[in-house]
Amino acid sequence: MNHYFLDSWTIIHQIGALMLRAGLNLAYVNELIFLFPCALLVCAYATVIYCFSGQYWLSLFAAPLYYLTNPLAKFFASPDYATLGLIWDQASDHTYGSWAHVGAVWVIGCVAAGRNALAGFSALILIAVHPVLGVYMVALLATALFVARFLFGANVSGFAKGAVWGAGIVILSFAAYLETRPGVSGTIDYAAFAAYMDSWDTHRSHAITADLALRIGVAAVIAVAMLSMFLIFARPRSNAALLTAGVVLLAVIASTIAYFAEHLVPHLLPEIVLRAAPGRLLNVQAFLSTPMALGLALYAIGQAARDWRIAAVRLAGRAVPIVIALGVAVDLAGHILSRRHLISDDARAVTALVRGPARDDAPFWSRVRTIGATGLVLTSRSAARPALYYGHLPVALNVGAIDFIAYLPQNAGPVARIIEDGYGVSFSHPPPEFRHAGALPPDGGRAYWAQLSPDGWCRISHDLDVGAVVAPNDWSVSLPRLASGAEFTMYKIACD
């Protein structure tokens, strides 16, 4: 895993390291990294709704409600990439995806709030958080500002100042990355990389269907029509509303073109674009869909009431927020009822990651931290993250997430060797049920480990520099035990 973490450039790692270096408890750092984007998302929703509606209290009420459920998102969401961080019951420990999505929405929220300098600053900082979404948002923002300035005469002052400060931090972050990154990167094993893209990759393996094309196309046409009508007909409108509508309009157009290009004419796109999974860009408007729809609807009703001065229109203006709130509440209730068991499981999993191991397992991980195992540690899929977080072990590979290979192709060779030698799975020809999952299944390696003799474990130890194994208690591993807990057991590979 050191190849992955040390080769990855993200300011999230750097900030987390600084907080740990400052003496903060690991659980508190986890909690901050998990909760901070949630707060940013709610704030962005509130500013977007207020930007168009001008209704302060409604915006404050609707923003957290749309974090609980976002009913329009499913019509805009990418089929290729999960909407990580979208709503509360889909909380994920996939930090990059969640922070990237939230960061993009936050940039647009800053534009909606009229905080131009903060928007420019945040767009540049997003490059250091997630380079793909960061570059995308900078390009969107720059294009929108150019068009708004020269076609609509909009005031775009402040963005450049914020962008300069953001660029300074990005440069500093990248310099720190280069300085602290040891020389772990090797040459690319192109055969292993091709095998990963062909057999394991998950984000770029989804086929486009007629239903998906229709859903994405219709959603894009409706969004473009509504935003274009606002830009053409809305009077009066604030500078912030003009810029926000422009950025979202460009996002819808650019991401829809990128999605269809990726699936229909991939041979025309550069390899680096395909590796960036452009289909994921649809998720930016998916996050914003319901807040934008509410804001635009309230603006349209308000303008009709001003222009027509009809009592029925004014009554509709008061009734629409109530009807929308009731509809969202009904949607939320149905969502909770249909997913109550999954929500409970997700909540327990996230709580465990944030707060620490369960009380029954705490002595086990405490013991593991003091053992001082030499060499790398092989783990089952379920044990990988706990071994990292609570055991502070040098895990050879988190087999529950190997999708980083597309971005760091120099890791394809080492990962292939660990998958084949350590888990007994062919990397170039995995079983059909393993294909395009971006991970081993929960029982991946279980049968292979059960049939390994001590000599077989010694061969793995020699080939992969592995000195210990962590597996669930119900797995069969023919090695001496170092420690046992309520859920996992740690074994030592003892060789002469």
Protein backbone atom coordinates (compact mmCIF):
# COMPACT_ATOMS: atom_id res chain seq x y z
CA MET A 1 0.00 0.00 0.00
CA ASN A 2 2.95 2.37 0.40
CA HIS A 3 3.19 2.63 -3.40
CA TYR A 4 -0.40 3.88 -3.48
CA PHE A 5 -0.28 6.31 -0.57
CA LEU A 6 3.18 7.70 -1.30
CA ASP A 7 2.60 8.03 -5.03
CA SER A 8 -0.76 9.80 -4.58
CA TRP A 9 -0.76 13.58 -4.45
CA THR A 10 -3.61 15.00 -2.41
CA ILE A 11 -3.71 17.74 0.17
CA ILE A 12 -6.08 15.54 2.20
CA HIS A 13 -3.14 13.29 3.09
CA GLN A 14 -1.00 16.29 3.95
CA ILE A 15 -3.59 17.96 6.18
CA GLY A 16 -4.30 14.65 7.91
CA ALA A 17 -0.59 14.13 8.50
CA LEU A 18 -0.24 17.63 9.94
CA MET A 19 -3.15 17.06 12.32
CA LEU A 20 -1.69 13.76 13.48
CA ARG A 21 1.74 15.39 13.84
CA ALA A 22 0.08 18.08 15.98
CA GLY A 23 -1.04 15.39 18.40
CA LEU A 24 -4.71 15.02 17.44
CA ASN A 25 -6.21 11.62 18.08
CA LEU A 26 -6.68 9.45 14.99
CA ALA A 27 -10.41 9.13 15.70
CA TYR A 28 -10.81 12.92 15.75
CA VAL A 29 -8.90 13.27 12.49
CA ASN A 30 -11.14 10.63 10.89
CA GLU A 31 -14.21 12.43 12.18
CA LEU A 32 -13.09 15.79 10.79
CA ILE A 33 -12.26 14.33 7.38
CA PHE A 34 -15.66 12.63 7.29
CA LEU A 35 -17.85 15.46 8.62
CA PHE A 36 -16.24 18.52 7.02
CA PRO A 37 -17.41 17.76 3.45
CA CYS A 38 -20.91 17.09 4.78
CA ALA A 39 -20.98 20.62 6.20
CA LEU A 40 -19.62 22.09 2.96
CA LEU A 41 -22.32 20.34 0.95
CA VAL A 42 -25.16 21.64 3.11
CA CYS A 43 -23.73 25.18 2.97
CA ALA A 44 -23.44 25.00 -0.82
CA TYR A 45 -27.04 23.82 -1.15
CA ALA A 46 -28.24 26.69 1.02
CA THR A 47 -26.38 29.34 -1.00
CA VAL A 48 -27.63 27.94 -4.33
CA ILE A 49 -31.26 27.94 -3.23
CA TYR A 50 -30.98 31.41 -1.71
CA CYS A 51 -29.20 32.77 -4.78
CA PHE A 52 -32.28 32.17 -6.95
CA SER A 53 -35.15 32.29 -4.45
CA GLY A 54 -34.01 35.06 -2.11
CA GLN A 55 -35.78 33.19 0.72
CA TYR A 56 -33.40 32.95 3.65
CA TRP A 57 -35.25 30.66 6.04
CA LEU A 58 -36.46 28.36 3.28
CA SER A 59 -32.87 27.93 2.08
CA LEU A 60 -31.68 27.04 5.58
CA PHE A 61 -34.48 24.48 5.94
CA ALA A 62 -34.19 22.93 2.48
CA ALA A 63 -30.39 22.52 2.39
CA PRO A 64 -30.10 19.84 5.10
CA LEU A 65 -33.29 18.23 3.83
CA TYR A 66 -31.69 17.77 0.41
CA TYR A 67 -28.66 16.25 2.07
CA LEU A 68 -31.02 13.68 3.56
CA THR A 69 -32.56 12.95 0.19
CA ASN A 70 -31.92 14.33 -3.29
CA PRO A 71 -34.82 13.00 -5.37
CA LEU A 72 -33.77 14.42 -8.76
CA ALA A 73 -30.16 13.22 -8.56
CA LYS A 74 -30.95 9.79 -9.95
CA PHE A 75 -31.96 11.30 -13.29
CA PHE A 76 -28.59 13.05 -13.74
CA ALA A 77 -26.18 10.68 -11.96
CA SER A 78 -23.37 8.93 -13.80
CA PRO A 79 -23.88 5.22 -14.51
CA ASP A 80 -20.08 4.83 -14.48
CA TYR A 81 -19.18 6.30 -11.10
CA ALA A 82 -21.01 6.21 -7.78
CA THR A 83 -22.35 9.47 -6.37
CA LEU A 84 -20.07 9.22 -3.35
CA GLY A 85 -21.10 11.56 -0.54
CA LEU A 86 -24.44 12.46 -2.16
CA ILE A 87 -26.75 11.80 0.78
CA TRP A 88 -26.28 10.80 4.36
CA ASP A 89 -27.07 7.08 4.12
CA GLN A 90 -24.49 6.62 1.37
CA ALA A 91 -21.63 7.77 3.57
CA SER A 92 -18.42 6.31 2.23
CA ASP A 93 -14.85 5.86 3.34
CA HIS A 94 -13.78 6.53 -0.26
CA THR A 95 -12.38 9.92 0.67
CA TYR A 96 -11.26 11.09 -2.76
CA GLY A 97 -14.61 10.62 -4.49
CA SER A 98 -16.60 12.21 -1.69
CA TRP A 99 -14.31 15.22 -1.33
CA ALA A 100 -14.12 15.68 -5.10
CA HIS A 101 -17.88 15.77 -5.57
CA VAL A 102 -18.46 18.00 -2.57
CA GLY A 103 -15.58 20.28 -3.56
CA ALA A 104 -17.07 20.83 -7.01
CA VAL A 105 -20.48 21.67 -5.52
CA TRP A 106 -18.80 23.96 -2.96
CA VAL A 107 -17.14 25.97 -5.74
CA ILE A 108 -20.53 26.56 -7.35
CA GLY A 109 -21.99 27.37 -3.94
CA CYS A 110 -19.35 30.07 -3.48
CA VAL A 111 -20.28 31.53 -6.88
CA ALA A 112 -23.94 31.50 -5.83
CA ALA A 113 -23.09 33.32 -2.61
CA GLY A 114 -21.27 36.03 -4.54
CA ARG A 115 -17.99 35.11 -2.85
CA ASN A 116 -15.92 35.43 -5.99
CA ALA A 117 -12.51 35.30 -4.35
CA LEU A 118 -13.49 32.25 -2.32
CA ALA A 119 -14.81 30.55 -5.45
CA GLY A 120 -11.54 31.14 -7.32
CA PHE A 121 -9.54 30.01 -4.32
CA SER A 122 -11.63 26.86 -3.81
CA ALA A 123 -11.49 25.87 -7.49
CA LEU A 124 -7.68 25.96 -7.47
CA ILE A 125 -7.47 24.14 -4.12
CA LEU A 126 -9.67 21.39 -5.55
CA ILE A 127 -6.79 20.53 -7.90
CA ALA A 128 -4.72 19.58 -4.84
CA VAL A 129 -7.64 17.56 -3.44
CA HIS A 130 -8.58 15.67 -6.61
CA PRO A 131 -6.71 16.72 -9.77
CA VAL A 132 -9.36 15.46 -12.22
CA LEU A 133 -12.33 17.31 -10.67
CA GLY A 134 -10.10 20.27 -9.83
CA VAL A 135 -8.95 20.83 -13.41
CA TYR A 136 -12.53 20.33 -14.60
CA MET A 137 -13.94 22.95 -12.23
CA VAL A 138 -11.19 25.45 -13.03
CA ALA A 139 -11.92 25.03 -16.75
CA LEU A 140 -15.67 25.41 -16.20
CA LEU A 141 -15.26 28.46 -14.02
CA ALA A 142 -12.80 30.16 -16.37
CA THR A 143 -15.05 29.54 -19.39
CA ALA A 144 -18.14 30.76 -17.58
CA LEU A 145 -16.38 33.92 -16.42
CA PHE A 146 -15.12 34.67 -19.94
CA VAL A 147 -18.57 34.23 -21.48
CA ALA A 148 -20.34 36.13 -18.70
CA ARG A 149 -17.92 39.03 -18.89
CA PHE A 150 -17.94 39.55 -22.65
CA LEU A 151 -21.51 38.49 -23.53
CA PHE A 152 -23.46 39.58 -20.48
CA GLY A 153 -21.23 42.26 -19.01
CA ALA A 154 -21.11 40.46 -15.65
CA ASN A 155 -18.85 41.57 -12.83
CA VAL A 156 -16.15 38.92 -12.43
CA SER A 157 -13.84 40.80 -10.09
CA GLY A 158 -12.32 38.87 -7.22
CA PHE A 159 -11.98 35.48 -8.91
CA ALA A 160 -8.42 36.09 -10.08
CA LYS A 161 -7.29 37.23 -6.63
CA GLY A 162 -8.66 34.08 -5.00
CA ALA A 163 -7.23 31.91 -7.76
CA VAL A 164 -3.75 33.34 -7.23
CA TRP A 165 -3.85 32.48 -3.53
CA GLY A 166 -5.22 29.03 -4.33
CA ALA A 167 -2.51 28.44 -6.93
CA GLY A 168 0.11 29.33 -4.34
CA ILE A 169 -1.18 26.67 -1.96
CA VAL A 170 -1.42 24.12 -4.79
CA ILE A 171 2.22 24.77 -5.71
CA LEU A 172 3.27 24.49 -2.06
CA SER A 173 1.31 21.25 -1.66
CA PHE A 174 2.85 19.75 -4.80
CA ALA A 175 6.33 20.80 -3.72
CA ALA A 176 5.78 19.13 -0.34
CA TYR A 177 4.60 16.00 -2.16
CA LEU A 178 7.73 15.88 -4.31
CA GLU A 179 9.95 16.50 -1.31
CA THR A 180 8.41 13.83 0.93
CA ARG A 181 7.76 11.24 -1.75
CA PRO A 182 10.46 8.57 -1.70
CA GLY A 183 11.59 6.95 -4.91
CA VAL A 184 9.06 4.14 -4.84
CA SER A 185 7.74 4.63 -8.37
CA GLY A 186 9.02 2.10 -10.86
CA THR A 187 8.59 1.45 -14.53
CA ILE A 188 5.17 0.54 -15.86
CA ASP A 189 4.44 -3.13 -16.45
CA TYR A 190 2.30 -2.58 -19.54
CA ALA A 191 1.09 -6.19 -19.67
CA ALA A 192 -0.18 -5.99 -16.07
CA PHE A 193 -1.70 -2.56 -16.70
CA ALA A 194 -3.51 -3.85 -19.80
CA ALA A 195 -4.74 -6.86 -17.79
CA TYR A 196 -6.13 -4.54 -15.12
CA MET A 197 -7.95 -2.32 -17.61
CA ASP A 198 -9.33 -5.34 -19.46
CA SER A 199 -10.33 -7.54 -16.52
CA TRP A 200 -10.51 -5.54 -13.28
CA ASP A 201 -11.34 -1.90 -13.94
CA THR A 202 -14.82 -0.94 -12.80
CA HIS A 203 -15.32 2.74 -13.66
CA ARG A 204 -14.62 2.33 -17.38
CA SER A 205 -16.28 -1.03 -17.96
CA HIS A 206 -19.93 0.07 -18.01
CA ALA A 207 -21.63 -0.27 -21.37
CA ILE A 208 -23.99 2.40 -22.58
CA THR A 209 -27.57 1.21 -23.19
CA ALA A 210 -30.53 2.81 -24.91
CA ASP A 211 -32.23 3.40 -21.55
CA LEU A 212 -29.16 5.07 -20.06
CA ALA A 213 -28.60 7.21 -23.15
CA LEU A 214 -32.25 8.31 -23.10
CA ARG A 215 -32.18 9.11 -19.39
CA ILE A 216 -28.98 11.15 -19.56
CA GLY A 217 -29.96 12.86 -22.81
CA VAL A 218 -33.43 13.88 -21.66
CA ALA A 219 -32.13 15.12 -18.30
CA ALA A 220 -29.48 17.20 -20.08
CA VAL A 221 -31.98 18.69 -22.54
CA ILE A 222 -34.36 19.70 -19.74
CA ALA A 223 -31.54 21.20 -17.66
CA VAL A 224 -30.12 23.14 -20.64
CA ALA A 225 -33.58 24.42 -21.54
CA MET A 226 -34.38 25.63 -18.01
CA LEU A 227 -31.01 27.28 -17.47
CA SER A 228 -31.06 28.89 -20.91
CA MET A 229 -34.52 30.31 -20.27
CA PHE A 230 -33.27 31.80 -17.03
CA LEU A 231 -30.26 33.37 -18.72
CA ILE A 232 -32.37 34.79 -21.56
CA PHE A 233 -35.58 35.88 -19.85
CA ALA A 234 -34.92 36.34 -16.13
CA ARG A 235 -35.17 39.99 -15.06
CA PRO A 236 -34.04 41.24 -12.64
CA ARG A 237 -31.27 38.81 -11.79
CA SER A 238 -28.23 39.11 -9.61
CA ASN A 239 -24.68 38.81 -10.86
CA ALA A 240 -24.26 35.69 -8.69
CA ALA A 241 -27.35 34.04 -10.18
CA LEU A 242 -26.13 34.77 -13.73
CA LEU A 243 -22.72 33.23 -13.04
CA THR A 244 -24.16 30.23 -11.18
CA ALA A 245 -26.59 29.41 -13.97
CA GLY A 246 -23.77 29.80 -16.50
CA VAL A 247 -21.39 27.46 -14.66
CA VAL A 248 -24.06 24.77 -14.19
CA LEU A 249 -25.17 25.11 -17.83
CA LEU A 250 -21.60 24.58 -19.00
CA ALA A 251 -21.23 21.63 -16.61
CA VAL A 252 -24.31 19.94 -18.05
CA ILE A 253 -23.16 20.45 -21.64
CA ALA A 254 -19.52 19.47 -21.07
CA SER A 255 -20.20 16.40 -18.94
CA THR A 256 -22.92 15.07 -21.24
CA ILE A 257 -20.64 15.40 -24.27
CA ALA A 258 -17.82 13.74 -22.30
CA TYR A 259 -20.05 10.81 -21.29
CA PHE A 260 -21.27 10.07 -24.80
CA ALA A 261 -17.81 10.57 -26.29
CA GLU A 262 -16.29 8.12 -23.80
CA HIS A 263 -18.79 5.43 -24.74
CA LEU A 264 -19.41 6.06 -28.44
CA VAL A 265 -16.05 7.29 -29.79
CA PRO A 266 -13.42 6.33 -27.18
CA HIS A 267 -10.82 5.88 -29.92
CA LEU A 268 -10.94 9.61 -30.55
CA LEU A 269 -10.08 10.50 -26.96
CA PRO A 270 -6.53 10.62 -25.56
CA GLU A 271 -5.64 7.80 -23.18
CA ILE A 272 -5.19 10.22 -20.28
CA VAL A 273 -8.77 11.43 -20.74
CA LEU A 274 -10.12 7.87 -20.70
CA ARG A 275 -8.09 7.09 -17.58
CA ALA A 276 -9.67 10.11 -15.88
CA ALA A 277 -13.13 8.46 -16.29
CA PRO A 278 -14.93 11.47 -17.80
CA GLY A 279 -18.30 9.79 -17.27
CA ARG A 280 -18.02 10.73 -13.60
CA LEU A 281 -18.45 14.43 -14.44
CA LEU A 282 -22.23 13.96 -14.69
CA ASN A 283 -22.32 13.72 -10.92
CA VAL A 284 -21.66 17.44 -10.44
CA GLN A 285 -25.11 18.38 -11.76
CA ALA A 286 -26.61 15.33 -10.07
CA PHE A 287 -25.63 16.78 -6.69
CA LEU A 288 -27.04 20.19 -7.66
CA SER A 289 -30.19 19.02 -9.42
CA THR A 290 -32.75 19.31 -6.64
CA PRO A 291 -31.45 22.54 -5.03
CA MET A 292 -31.20 24.19 -8.47
CA ALA A 293 -34.69 23.03 -9.43
CA LEU A 294 -36.17 24.48 -6.24
CA GLY A 295 -34.33 27.77 -6.61
CA LEU A 296 -35.30 28.21 -10.27
CA ALA A 297 -38.93 27.26 -9.59
CA LEU A 298 -39.23 29.82 -6.80
CA TYR A 299 -37.56 32.46 -8.97
CA ALA A 300 -40.00 31.77 -11.84
CA ILE A 301 -43.01 32.00 -9.51
CA GLY A 302 -41.69 35.20 -7.97
CA GLN A 303 -41.13 36.80 -11.36
CA ALA A 304 -44.62 35.75 -12.53
CA ALA A 305 -46.14 37.27 -9.40
CA ARG A 306 -44.29 40.55 -10.05
CA ASP A 307 -45.20 40.68 -13.74
CA TRP A 308 -48.78 39.49 -13.63
CA ARG A 309 -49.92 40.62 -10.18
CA ILE A 310 -52.49 37.83 -10.01
CA ALA A 311 -53.60 36.58 -6.59
CA ALA A 312 -53.49 32.95 -7.72
CA VAL A 313 -49.84 33.31 -8.70
CA ARG A 314 -48.95 34.84 -5.35
CA LEU A 315 -50.79 31.99 -3.62
CA ALA A 316 -48.86 29.48 -5.72
CA GLY A 317 -45.64 31.15 -4.64
CA ARG A 318 -46.52 30.46 -1.02
CA ALA A 319 -47.81 26.95 -1.67
CA VAL A 320 -44.98 25.61 -3.84
CA PRO A 321 -42.34 25.48 -1.05
CA ILE A 322 -44.79 23.65 1.20
CA VAL A 323 -45.73 21.16 -1.51
CA ILE A 324 -42.07 20.56 -2.39
CA ALA A 325 -41.15 20.09 1.27
CA LEU A 326 -43.96 17.56 1.72
CA GLY A 327 -42.90 15.72 -1.43
CA VAL A 328 -39.30 15.53 -0.29
CA ALA A 329 -40.41 14.38 3.17
CA VAL A 330 -42.48 11.58 1.61
CA ASP A 331 -39.52 10.61 -0.58
CA LEU A 332 -37.24 10.60 2.45
CA ALA A 333 -39.64 8.42 4.45
CA GLY A 334 -39.90 5.90 1.62
CA HIS A 335 -36.13 5.95 1.18
CA ILE A 336 -35.51 5.25 4.85
CA LEU A 337 -38.10 2.47 5.01
CA SER A 338 -36.80 0.71 1.91
CA ARG A 339 -33.17 0.90 3.03
CA ARG A 340 -33.49 0.76 6.81
CA HIS A 341 -31.33 -2.36 7.17
CA LEU A 342 -28.64 -1.05 4.81
CA ILE A 343 -28.68 2.32 6.56
CA SER A 344 -28.15 0.61 9.91
CA ASP A 345 -25.24 -1.40 8.52
CA ASP A 346 -23.68 1.69 6.89
CA ALA A 347 -24.04 3.68 10.10
CA ARG A 348 -22.28 1.00 12.12
CA ALA A 349 -19.49 0.75 9.53
CA VAL A 350 -18.92 4.50 9.38
CA THR A 351 -19.09 4.82 13.16
CA ALA A 352 -16.46 2.10 13.48
CA LEU A 353 -14.14 3.91 11.06
CA VAL A 354 -14.62 7.28 12.75
CA ARG A 355 -14.79 6.33 16.42
CA GLY A 356 -12.50 3.34 16.48
CA PRO A 357 -12.84 -0.43 16.84
CA ALA A 358 -15.64 -2.08 18.76
CA ARG A 359 -15.01 -2.61 22.44
CA ASP A 360 -14.55 -6.37 21.92
CA ASP A 361 -11.86 -5.81 19.29
CA ALA A 362 -9.99 -2.96 20.98
CA PRO A 363 -7.67 -5.25 23.05
CA PHE A 364 -6.85 -7.24 19.90
CA TRP A 365 -5.75 -4.20 17.90
CA SER A 366 -3.91 -2.84 20.91
CA ARG A 367 -1.99 -6.12 21.11
CA VAL A 368 -1.34 -6.06 17.35
CA ARG A 369 0.23 -2.61 17.59
CA THR A 370 2.76 -3.84 20.13
CA ILE A 371 3.75 -7.07 18.39
CA GLY A 372 6.22 -5.40 16.05
CA ALA A 373 5.76 -7.72 13.10
CA THR A 374 8.51 -7.53 10.50
CA GLY A 375 7.79 -7.27 6.79
CA LEU A 376 4.49 -6.60 5.09
CA VAL A 377 1.15 -8.01 6.22
CA LEU A 378 -1.35 -9.87 4.05
CA THR A 379 -4.98 -9.38 5.03
CA SER A 380 -8.39 -10.51 3.93
CA ARG A 381 -10.55 -7.87 2.29
CA SER A 382 -12.54 -7.28 5.49
CA ALA A 383 -9.38 -6.96 7.61
CA ALA A 384 -7.46 -4.55 5.36
CA ARG A 385 -8.88 -1.22 6.55
CA PRO A 386 -9.04 -2.15 10.26
CA ALA A 387 -5.44 -3.38 10.03
CA LEU A 388 -4.41 0.00 8.63
CA TYR A 389 -6.55 2.20 10.87
CA TYR A 390 -6.41 0.38 14.19
CA GLY A 391 -3.46 -1.99 13.91
CA HIS A 392 -1.13 0.51 12.18
CA LEU A 393 0.18 -2.42 10.14
CA PRO A 394 2.10 -2.21 6.85
CA VAL A 395 -0.63 -3.86 4.79
CA ALA A 396 0.71 -5.19 1.50
CA LEU A 397 -2.48 -4.36 -0.41
CA ASN A 398 -6.06 -3.39 0.39
CA VAL A 399 -7.68 -5.89 -1.94
CA GLY A 400 -11.04 -4.17 -1.45
CA ALA A 401 -9.93 -1.22 -3.62
CA ILE A 402 -7.37 -1.64 -6.39
CA ASP A 403 -9.02 0.89 -8.71
CA PHE A 404 -6.12 3.30 -8.16
CA ILE A 405 -4.13 1.44 -10.83
CA ALA A 406 -5.80 3.44 -13.60
CA TYR A 407 -4.31 6.62 -12.12
CA LEU A 408 -0.99 5.15 -10.97
CA PRO A 409 -0.15 2.59 -13.67
CA GLN A 410 3.34 1.97 -12.26
CA ASN A 411 1.60 0.01 -9.49
CA ALA A 412 0.04 -2.52 -11.87
CA GLY A 413 3.00 -4.92 -11.72
CA PRO A 414 3.37 -5.01 -7.91
CA VAL A 415 -0.38 -5.38 -7.44
CA ALA A 416 -0.51 -8.21 -9.97
CA ARG A 417 2.23 -10.08 -8.08
CA ILE A 418 0.44 -9.69 -4.74
CA ILE A 419 -2.92 -10.80 -6.20
CA GLU A 420 -1.39 -13.87 -7.87
CA ASP A 421 1.22 -14.95 -5.30
CA GLY A 422 -0.55 -13.80 -2.15
CA TYR A 423 -4.17 -14.64 -2.97
CA GLY A 424 -3.87 -17.30 -5.67
CA VAL A 425 -5.93 -15.38 -8.23
CA SER A 426 -4.83 -14.98 -11.85
CA PHE A 427 -4.47 -11.27 -12.59
CA SER A 428 -4.63 -11.65 -16.36
CA HIS A 429 -7.49 -14.19 -16.35
CA PRO A 430 -9.51 -13.79 -13.14
CA PRO A 431 -12.68 -15.84 -12.56
CA PRO A 432 -15.77 -14.34 -14.24
CA GLU A 433 -17.27 -13.32 -10.90
CA PHE A 434 -14.14 -11.25 -10.13
CA ARG A 435 -14.14 -9.29 -13.39
CA HIS A 436 -14.62 -5.50 -13.42
CA ALA A 437 -15.14 -5.26 -9.67
CA GLY A 438 -12.00 -3.24 -8.94
CA ALA A 439 -11.44 -5.50 -5.93
CA LEU A 440 -11.33 -9.06 -4.70
CA PRO A 441 -14.63 -10.36 -3.30
CA PRO A 442 -14.96 -10.72 0.50
CA ASP A 443 -13.83 -14.38 0.33
CA GLY A 444 -11.05 -13.70 -2.18
CA GLY A 445 -8.04 -15.85 -1.22
CA ARG A 446 -9.85 -17.85 1.45
CA ALA A 447 -9.69 -21.22 -0.31
CA TYR A 448 -6.12 -20.56 -1.44
CA TRP A 449 -4.95 -19.74 2.09
CA ALA A 450 -6.68 -22.83 3.48
CA GLN A 451 -4.68 -25.19 1.25
CA LEU A 452 -1.31 -23.49 1.80
CA SER A 453 1.25 -25.42 3.81
CA PRO A 454 3.86 -23.70 6.00
CA ASP A 455 6.32 -24.13 3.12
CA GLY A 456 3.87 -22.43 0.79
CA TRP A 457 3.59 -19.50 3.21
CA CYS A 458 7.38 -19.30 3.36
CA ARG A 459 7.51 -19.05 -0.42
CA ILE A 460 5.04 -16.14 -0.27
CA SER A 461 7.07 -14.55 2.52
CA HIS A 462 10.21 -14.73 0.41
CA ASP A 463 8.58 -13.50 -2.81
CA LEU A 464 6.51 -10.66 -1.32
CA ASP A 465 8.46 -9.82 1.85
CA VAL A 466 5.43 -10.75 3.97
CA GLY A 467 5.90 -11.56 7.65
CA ALA A 468 2.33 -11.86 8.98
CA VAL A 469 -1.29 -12.48 8.02
CA VAL A 470 -4.57 -11.09 9.41
CA ALA A 471 -7.75 -13.04 8.59
CA PRO A 472 -11.27 -13.54 9.98
CA ASN A 473 -11.51 -16.10 12.75
CA ASP A 474 -13.48 -18.54 10.59
CA TRP A 475 -10.75 -18.73 7.93
CA SER A 476 -8.35 -21.68 7.99
CA VAL A 477 -4.70 -20.59 8.06
CA SER A 478 -1.93 -23.09 8.85
CA LEU A 479 0.35 -20.69 10.71
CA PRO A 480 1.18 -19.97 14.38
CA ARG A 481 -1.12 -17.40 15.99
CA LEU A 482 0.23 -14.12 17.28
CA ALA A 483 -3.03 -12.63 18.58
CA SER A 484 -6.76 -13.37 18.43
CA GLY A 485 -9.75 -11.08 18.79
CA ALA A 486 -13.51 -11.19 18.50
CA GLU A 487 -13.39 -10.97 14.71
CA PHE A 488 -9.83 -11.40 13.43
CA THR A 489 -6.69 -13.42 14.12
CA MET A 490 -3.11 -12.42 13.36
CA TYR A 491 -0.69 -15.12 12.27
CA LYS A 492 3.10 -15.19 11.96
CA ILE A 493 4.88 -16.64 8.96
CA ALA A 494 7.77 -18.52 10.61
CA CYS A 495 10.51 -19.61 8.27
CA ASP A 496 14.05 -20.84 8.89
